[in-house]
Amino acid sequence: MHPGPCSKESPAGRCDHPWCGTPVLVTYPVGETLASAVEIEDWISADEALRCCHDCLSALRSTVSVGIQHGDINPEHMMRAAAADGEYYYVLTDWGHAVLEERDSPAISPKFSSTSALQEGRLCPASDAESLIYLLFFVCGGAIPEFDSMEAALHWRDRAWARRAIQQQLGKVSAVLKAFADYVDSLCTTPYPVDYDIWLRRLNRALPHGDPRRTNDLSFGGSDFATESSGTSAPSIDN
């Protein structure tokens, strides 16, 4: 597997890309899907939401560097696995739908697909981050209705972003998640890429002390994110 077109002439052959023909070991974590966890627990804690966002962004940063987007981020494709130290780790799965080229069509999920995927059948550079925001909104107690059409799903997105319902819901969990939602909102449907490094540093700083994800690379100075708004409840967003 490699980004770009492959010109090999047979399944056993190779093209001129240096990764062509390289063996790939595919593993699958032992755990439960985030959808199953939320079905039992209703929503995840603030610390777990930060860990989920961190682990997903870390995976996306690695894949986007080689031109791969996931295109189908949703709670069924996020595994929660317990490590030996008792901490939960979140693993983005089902990369079989990964989008390697602009002409590839992503999977469509009315609840979690990005605006570009629903409108145009393709991904913009921030599409995976936008889908992650919808996932975090959902697992942090936000209500996403069932949609009977793509138009209804797009209408809900327009109203939710315009009324800042998503930011307010995530703001009740974490100021950095609210700020990340604001940042993603500014990138939706644009050609501008996500700065994964900055947001991973900000998430590192927000994680609980003692979390093994925390690193020493916390040199990003100044005020890293907007303070949480004084609003205590998100407005209702109907379909």
Protein backbone atom coordinates (compact mmCIF):
# COMPACT_ATOMS: atom_id res chain seq x y z
CA MET A 1 0.00 0.00 0.00
CA HIS A 2 1.34 3.42 -0.92
CA PRO A 3 -0.06 6.82 -1.90
CA GLY A 4 -0.48 7.71 -5.56
CA PRO A 5 -1.21 5.50 -8.57
CA CYS A 6 0.33 2.05 -8.80
CA SER A 7 1.58 0.93 -12.21
CA LYS A 8 2.60 -2.65 -11.41
CA GLU A 9 1.59 -5.05 -14.17
CA SER A 10 0.73 -8.08 -12.03
CA PRO A 11 -0.20 -8.82 -8.38
CA ALA A 12 3.32 -10.13 -7.77
CA GLY A 13 5.01 -7.23 -9.54
CA ARG A 14 6.15 -3.84 -8.33
CA CYS A 15 5.97 -0.30 -9.63
CA ASP A 16 8.67 2.31 -9.20
CA HIS A 17 7.34 3.54 -5.83
CA PRO A 18 9.81 2.54 -3.06
CA TRP A 19 7.01 1.18 -0.86
CA CYS A 20 5.43 -0.99 -3.53
CA GLY A 21 5.53 -4.66 -2.54
CA THR A 22 6.59 -3.94 1.05
CA PRO A 23 4.96 -6.48 3.43
CA VAL A 24 2.43 -4.94 5.83
CA LEU A 25 1.50 -6.45 9.19
CA VAL A 26 -2.11 -5.62 10.03
CA THR A 27 -3.16 -5.97 13.66
CA TYR A 28 -6.46 -5.37 15.42
CA PRO A 29 -6.69 -4.23 19.05
CA VAL A 30 -8.53 -6.26 21.68
CA GLY A 31 -11.21 -4.10 23.23
CA GLU A 32 -14.63 -2.61 22.64
CA THR A 33 -15.84 -0.09 20.13
CA LEU A 34 -16.55 3.40 21.36
CA ALA A 35 -20.14 2.88 20.21
CA SER A 36 -20.46 -0.07 22.62
CA ALA A 37 -18.85 1.86 25.46
CA VAL A 38 -21.22 4.81 25.04
CA GLU A 39 -24.23 2.48 24.81
CA ILE A 40 -23.33 1.18 28.28
CA GLU A 41 -21.98 4.36 29.91
CA ASP A 42 -24.06 7.04 28.06
CA TRP A 43 -20.95 9.21 27.60
CA ILE A 44 -17.24 9.16 28.38
CA SER A 45 -15.45 11.30 30.95
CA ALA A 46 -13.59 14.52 30.18
CA ASP A 47 -10.20 12.82 30.60
CA GLU A 48 -11.23 10.00 28.26
CA ALA A 49 -12.50 12.48 25.68
CA LEU A 50 -9.10 14.20 25.72
CA ARG A 51 -7.32 10.85 25.38
CA CYS A 52 -9.60 9.83 22.53
CA CYS A 53 -8.96 13.07 20.67
CA HIS A 54 -5.21 12.83 21.27
CA ASP A 55 -4.90 9.24 20.08
CA CYS A 56 -7.00 9.85 16.97
CA LEU A 57 -5.09 13.01 16.00
CA SER A 58 -1.81 11.17 16.51
CA ALA A 59 -2.93 8.47 14.06
CA LEU A 60 -4.17 11.03 11.54
CA ARG A 61 -0.91 12.99 11.72
CA SER A 62 1.02 9.83 10.85
CA THR A 63 -1.17 8.88 7.89
CA VAL A 64 -1.65 12.34 6.39
CA SER A 65 2.13 12.64 6.15
CA VAL A 66 2.02 9.89 3.49
CA GLY A 67 -1.10 11.17 1.77
CA ILE A 68 -3.72 8.92 3.40
CA GLN A 69 -7.04 10.03 4.89
CA HIS A 70 -9.41 7.74 6.75
CA GLY A 71 -12.73 9.08 5.46
CA ASP A 72 -15.04 7.09 7.75
CA ILE A 73 -14.40 8.07 11.37
CA ASN A 74 -17.30 7.09 13.62
CA PRO A 75 -17.80 5.37 17.02
CA GLU A 76 -17.91 1.91 15.40
CA HIS A 77 -14.42 2.48 13.97
CA MET A 78 -12.84 3.64 17.23
CA MET A 79 -11.66 0.88 19.56
CA ARG A 80 -11.11 1.43 23.28
CA ALA A 81 -8.43 -0.93 24.52
CA ALA A 82 -7.09 -1.25 28.06
CA ALA A 83 -3.30 -1.31 28.45
CA ALA A 84 -1.35 -3.14 31.14
CA ASP A 85 -1.26 0.03 33.24
CA GLY A 86 -5.06 0.18 33.28
CA GLU A 87 -5.28 3.25 31.03
CA TYR A 88 -7.54 3.23 28.01
CA TYR A 89 -6.07 3.75 24.57
CA TYR A 90 -8.13 4.62 21.52
CA VAL A 91 -7.31 3.03 18.19
CA LEU A 92 -8.77 4.16 14.88
CA THR A 93 -9.67 1.05 12.86
CA ASP A 94 -11.23 0.11 9.52
CA TRP A 95 -8.63 1.79 7.36
CA GLY A 96 -9.91 -0.32 4.48
CA HIS A 97 -11.91 2.77 3.53
CA ALA A 98 -8.82 4.99 3.57
CA VAL A 99 -8.73 7.58 0.80
CA LEU A 100 -5.43 7.64 -1.05
CA GLU A 101 -6.26 9.96 -3.92
CA GLU A 102 -8.61 12.86 -4.55
CA ARG A 103 -10.76 10.82 -6.93
CA ASP A 104 -11.37 8.11 -4.31
CA SER A 105 -14.86 8.31 -2.79
CA PRO A 106 -15.15 8.14 1.02
CA ALA A 107 -17.78 6.13 2.86
CA ILE A 108 -20.84 8.22 3.73
CA SER A 109 -22.31 8.42 7.23
CA PRO A 110 -25.09 11.01 7.66
CA LYS A 111 -24.20 11.42 11.34
CA PHE A 112 -20.42 11.58 11.19
CA SER A 113 -19.22 12.34 7.65
CA SER A 114 -17.72 15.73 6.92
CA THR A 115 -19.57 18.47 5.11
CA SER A 116 -17.40 18.01 2.00
CA ALA A 117 -18.12 14.27 1.92
CA LEU A 118 -21.88 14.86 2.09
CA GLN A 119 -21.93 17.77 -0.36
CA GLU A 120 -19.39 16.70 -2.94
CA GLY A 121 -18.59 13.04 -2.30
CA ARG A 122 -14.96 13.83 -1.58
CA LEU A 123 -12.77 14.85 1.35
CA CYS A 124 -11.17 18.18 2.10
CA PRO A 125 -7.92 18.24 4.15
CA ALA A 126 -9.86 18.80 7.39
CA SER A 127 -12.58 16.19 6.76
CA ASP A 128 -11.21 13.60 9.19
CA ALA A 129 -10.85 16.25 11.90
CA GLU A 130 -14.44 17.39 11.27
CA SER A 131 -15.69 13.80 11.63
CA LEU A 132 -13.68 13.50 14.86
CA ILE A 133 -15.47 16.59 16.22
CA TYR A 134 -18.87 15.00 15.52
CA LEU A 135 -17.68 11.81 17.23
CA LEU A 136 -16.49 13.74 20.31
CA PHE A 137 -19.73 15.72 20.40
CA PHE A 138 -21.70 12.46 20.37
CA VAL A 139 -19.65 10.58 23.00
CA CYS A 140 -19.65 13.65 25.28
CA GLY A 141 -23.45 13.69 25.49
CA GLY A 142 -24.41 15.67 22.40
CA ALA A 143 -27.51 14.52 20.53
CA ILE A 144 -27.25 13.83 16.80
CA PRO A 145 -30.63 12.92 15.28
CA GLU A 146 -31.31 10.30 12.67
CA PHE A 147 -31.39 11.82 9.20
CA ASP A 148 -33.66 10.76 6.35
CA SER A 149 -31.58 12.52 3.69
CA MET A 150 -28.19 14.07 3.02
CA GLU A 151 -29.90 17.47 2.84
CA ALA A 152 -31.23 17.02 6.39
CA ALA A 153 -27.77 16.05 7.63
CA LEU A 154 -26.22 19.14 6.00
CA HIS A 155 -28.96 21.37 7.42
CA TRP A 156 -28.25 20.08 10.92
CA ARG A 157 -24.53 20.77 10.48
CA ASP A 158 -25.20 24.31 9.28
CA ARG A 159 -27.43 25.07 12.27
CA ALA A 160 -25.19 23.35 14.81
CA TRP A 161 -22.08 25.29 13.74
CA ALA A 162 -23.96 28.58 13.29
CA ARG A 163 -25.47 28.35 16.78
CA ARG A 164 -22.18 27.06 18.26
CA ALA A 165 -24.01 24.10 19.79
CA ILE A 166 -21.05 21.80 19.15
CA GLN A 167 -18.56 24.19 20.73
CA GLN A 168 -20.80 24.73 23.76
CA GLN A 169 -21.25 21.01 24.34
CA LEU A 170 -17.52 20.30 24.09
CA GLY A 171 -16.82 23.38 26.21
CA LYS A 172 -18.62 21.69 29.11
CA VAL A 173 -16.01 18.93 28.84
CA SER A 174 -12.78 20.77 28.07
CA ALA A 175 -11.69 24.23 26.98
CA VAL A 176 -9.14 22.74 24.60
CA LEU A 177 -11.77 20.56 22.90
CA LYS A 178 -13.99 23.62 22.48
CA ALA A 179 -11.08 25.53 20.97
CA PHE A 180 -10.29 22.61 18.67
CA ALA A 181 -13.91 22.61 17.47
CA ASP A 182 -13.64 26.34 16.69
CA TYR A 183 -10.43 25.67 14.77
CA VAL A 184 -11.98 22.83 12.74
CA ASP A 185 -15.04 24.97 12.01
CA SER A 186 -12.75 27.53 10.38
CA LEU A 187 -11.26 24.83 8.12
CA CYS A 188 -14.39 22.95 7.03
CA THR A 189 -14.66 22.69 3.21
CA THR A 190 -11.46 24.75 2.73
CA PRO A 191 -8.20 23.55 1.12
CA TYR A 192 -6.21 24.31 4.27
CA PRO A 193 -4.64 21.41 6.21
CA VAL A 194 -4.92 20.71 9.93
CA ASP A 195 -1.89 21.62 12.04
CA TYR A 196 -1.76 18.35 13.98
CA ASP A 197 1.46 19.16 15.82
CA ILE A 198 0.07 22.25 17.55
CA TRP A 199 -3.11 20.51 18.66
CA LEU A 200 -1.27 17.45 19.92
CA ARG A 201 0.92 19.73 22.04
CA ARG A 202 -2.16 21.47 23.43
CA LEU A 203 -3.83 18.15 24.19
CA ASN A 204 -0.65 16.94 25.87
CA ARG A 205 -0.83 19.92 28.19
CA ALA A 206 -4.49 19.27 28.97
CA LEU A 207 -4.07 15.55 29.77
CA PRO A 208 -3.96 14.54 33.45
CA HIS A 209 -0.54 14.54 35.08
CA GLY A 210 0.93 11.07 35.00
CA ASP A 211 -0.71 10.14 31.72
CA PRO A 212 1.94 8.33 29.64
CA ARG A 213 0.85 10.30 26.57
CA ARG A 214 2.20 13.50 28.06
CA THR A 215 5.53 14.50 26.58
CA ASN A 216 8.16 17.07 27.36
CA ASP A 217 7.43 18.91 24.12
CA LEU A 218 5.15 21.47 25.74
CA SER A 219 7.04 24.56 24.69
CA PHE A 220 4.12 26.18 22.90
CA GLY A 221 4.02 29.47 24.74
CA GLY A 222 1.30 31.92 25.62
CA SER A 223 -2.39 31.23 25.84
CA ASP A 224 -2.89 28.06 23.83
CA PHE A 225 -6.63 28.04 23.62
CA ALA A 226 -9.64 30.18 24.23
CA THR A 227 -11.13 30.03 27.70
CA GLU A 228 -14.36 28.17 28.13
CA SER A 229 -17.49 30.26 27.68
CA SER A 230 -19.76 30.94 30.60
CA GLY A 231 -22.64 29.13 28.90
CA THR A 232 -23.64 26.04 30.86
CA SER A 233 -25.91 24.34 28.37
CA ALA A 234 -25.95 23.86 24.64
CA PRO A 235 -28.97 24.97 22.62
CA SER A 236 -31.21 22.28 21.22
CA ILE A 237 -30.52 21.57 17.57
CA ASP A 238 -33.35 19.80 15.81
CA ASN A 239 -33.15 17.94 12.54
